[in-house]
Amino acid sequence: MRSLVVDDSKSVRFFLRDTLRQYGACEAAETGVEGVKMFEDALKDNIPFNLVVMDIMLPELNGHDALKQIADLEKEYHVSGKDKAKYIMISSLKDGRNMMRAHYEEGVALYITKPIRRETLKEALINLGFVVHPVRELMDIA
């Protein structure tokens, strides 16, 4: 799994990178503009991100608009189906309007409110199919 974290909080970026690096490569951006550029550069270099974790409230370009641009880049580069990145939106905003917009307009798979716990993030990765659930892993061994 290759992931991209976009958040303007240095401590949140550190926490998310530290957690996600347990499951594969992880890069981080501070602004929406920087995140979109990193996503496009990865597509150009043929090393695309599988997961994007995006904050809503960002300088220069908010998370909603950044994810729309990322989705447009995937279309432009003919990325489709299982090859498309999965998006997790993170925010301290708990209002339904932002959640609905994230799901229906940006194609966000999951919306997680801050503060984020490691267990919550791991559960999200299990739900998205990036991590095998520990119980299932034990069943596969037996």
Protein backbone atom coordinates (compact mmCIF):
# COMPACT_ATOMS: atom_id res chain seq x y z
CA MET A 1 0.00 0.00 0.00
CA ARG A 2 1.26 3.45 -0.92
CA SER A 3 -0.47 6.32 0.85
CA LEU A 4 -0.58 10.10 0.75
CA VAL A 5 -1.52 12.18 3.81
CA VAL A 6 -2.61 15.79 3.32
CA ASP A 7 -3.04 17.84 6.49
CA ASP A 8 -1.80 21.26 7.56
CA SER A 9 -1.16 20.11 11.14
CA LYS A 10 2.40 18.92 11.60
CA SER A 11 1.42 16.67 14.52
CA VAL A 12 -1.43 15.05 12.58
CA ARG A 13 0.84 14.47 9.57
CA PHE A 14 3.45 12.87 11.86
CA PHE A 15 0.86 10.63 13.57
CA LEU A 16 -0.72 9.50 10.29
CA ARG A 17 2.61 8.87 8.56
CA ASP A 18 3.92 6.97 11.56
CA THR A 19 0.79 4.80 11.64
CA LEU A 20 0.46 4.24 7.89
CA ARG A 21 4.15 3.39 7.43
CA GLN A 22 3.43 0.13 9.24
CA TYR A 23 1.52 -0.92 6.13
CA GLY A 24 3.66 0.52 3.34
CA ALA A 25 5.17 3.68 1.95
CA CYS A 26 3.62 6.96 3.03
CA GLU A 27 4.24 10.53 1.94
CA ALA A 28 2.73 13.72 3.30
CA ALA A 29 1.76 17.19 2.11
CA GLU A 30 0.86 20.30 4.07
CA THR A 31 -1.53 21.94 1.60
CA GLY A 32 -4.18 20.82 -0.87
CA VAL A 33 -2.15 22.23 -3.75
CA GLU A 34 0.95 20.32 -2.65
CA GLY A 35 -1.09 17.12 -2.23
CA VAL A 36 -2.58 17.34 -5.72
CA LYS A 37 0.87 17.93 -7.22
CA MET A 38 2.34 14.96 -5.35
CA PHE A 39 -0.54 12.78 -6.51
CA GLU A 40 -0.03 13.83 -10.15
CA ASP A 41 3.75 13.35 -9.93
CA ALA A 42 3.16 9.81 -8.63
CA LEU A 43 0.86 9.09 -11.58
CA LYS A 44 3.44 10.48 -14.02
CA ASP A 45 6.16 8.31 -12.42
CA ASN A 46 3.88 5.25 -12.58
CA ILE A 47 3.99 4.78 -8.79
CA PRO A 48 0.43 5.84 -7.89
CA PHE A 49 -0.97 6.19 -4.41
CA ASN A 50 -3.48 3.55 -3.29
CA LEU A 51 -4.80 5.65 -0.42
CA VAL A 52 -5.29 9.37 0.13
CA VAL A 53 -6.03 10.66 3.63
CA MET A 54 -7.22 14.24 3.23
CA ASP A 55 -8.14 16.93 5.76
CA ILE A 56 -11.04 19.20 4.78
CA MET A 57 -9.75 22.50 6.07
CA LEU A 58 -6.46 23.21 4.30
CA PRO A 59 -4.65 26.36 3.18
CA GLU A 60 -4.66 27.30 -0.51
CA LEU A 61 -7.10 24.56 -1.60
CA ASN A 62 -9.60 22.84 0.69
CA GLY A 63 -9.83 19.05 0.93
CA HIS A 64 -13.08 18.81 -1.04
CA ASP A 65 -11.63 20.65 -4.01
CA ALA A 66 -8.28 18.86 -3.77
CA LEU A 67 -10.00 15.44 -3.91
CA LYS A 68 -12.05 16.59 -6.90
CA GLN A 69 -8.82 17.52 -8.69
CA ILE A 70 -7.28 14.17 -7.72
CA ALA A 71 -10.31 12.31 -9.11
CA ASP A 72 -10.02 14.36 -12.32
CA LEU A 73 -6.33 13.41 -12.56
CA GLU A 74 -7.22 9.73 -12.27
CA LYS A 75 -9.65 10.15 -15.17
CA GLU A 76 -7.04 12.06 -17.18
CA TYR A 77 -4.48 9.29 -16.61
CA HIS A 78 -7.08 6.57 -17.32
CA VAL A 79 -6.97 5.11 -13.82
CA SER A 80 -10.12 3.14 -13.15
CA GLY A 81 -11.67 0.28 -11.23
CA LYS A 82 -9.54 -1.38 -8.58
CA ASP A 83 -6.55 0.78 -9.57
CA LYS A 84 -8.24 3.98 -8.35
CA ALA A 85 -7.05 5.33 -5.03
CA LYS A 86 -9.36 5.10 -2.06
CA TYR A 87 -10.03 8.31 -0.16
CA ILE A 88 -10.41 8.89 3.56
CA MET A 89 -11.56 12.38 4.57
CA ILE A 90 -10.52 13.56 8.02
CA SER A 91 -11.82 16.60 9.84
CA SER A 92 -12.73 18.10 13.15
CA LEU A 93 -16.04 19.03 11.49
CA LYS A 94 -18.78 16.60 12.51
CA ASP A 95 -21.60 18.04 10.43
CA GLY A 96 -23.59 15.83 8.08
CA ARG A 97 -23.34 18.23 5.14
CA ASN A 98 -19.55 17.85 4.89
CA MET A 99 -19.82 14.09 5.35
CA MET A 100 -22.45 13.77 2.60
CA ARG A 101 -20.49 16.01 0.24
CA ALA A 102 -17.35 13.98 0.84
CA HIS A 103 -19.11 10.69 0.13
CA TYR A 104 -21.28 11.67 -2.80
CA GLU A 105 -19.33 14.40 -4.57
CA GLU A 106 -15.71 13.37 -3.97
CA GLY A 107 -16.15 9.60 -3.76
CA VAL A 108 -14.75 9.40 -0.23
CA ALA A 109 -14.88 5.86 1.13
CA LEU A 110 -14.66 6.84 4.80
CA TYR A 111 -14.99 10.01 6.86
CA ILE A 112 -13.13 10.08 10.17
CA THR A 113 -13.48 12.88 12.71
CA LYS A 114 -10.53 14.11 14.73
CA PRO A 115 -8.97 13.25 17.05
CA ILE A 116 -7.98 10.08 15.21
CA ARG A 117 -6.93 7.01 17.12
CA ARG A 118 -4.61 4.30 15.77
CA GLU A 119 -7.34 1.69 16.25
CA THR A 120 -9.79 3.76 14.21
CA LEU A 121 -7.31 4.16 11.37
CA LYS A 122 -6.47 0.45 11.40
CA GLU A 123 -10.17 -0.42 11.31
CA ALA A 124 -10.55 1.91 8.32
CA LEU A 125 -7.68 0.14 6.53
CA ILE A 126 -9.31 -3.23 7.26
CA ASN A 127 -12.65 -1.98 5.89
CA LEU A 128 -10.95 -0.72 2.73
CA GLY A 129 -9.14 -4.04 2.21
CA PHE A 130 -5.62 -2.78 2.79
CA VAL A 131 -5.11 -4.76 6.00
CA VAL A 132 -6.27 -8.25 6.88
CA HIS A 133 -8.44 -8.41 9.98
CA PRO A 134 -6.51 -10.17 12.77
CA VAL A 135 -9.27 -12.77 13.31
CA ARG A 136 -9.37 -13.63 9.62
CA GLU A 137 -5.58 -13.88 9.58
CA LEU A 138 -5.76 -16.45 12.40
CA MET A 139 -8.46 -18.39 10.52
CA ASP A 140 -6.29 -18.52 7.40
CA ILE A 141 -3.42 -20.01 9.40
CA ALA A 142 -5.51 -22.80 10.90
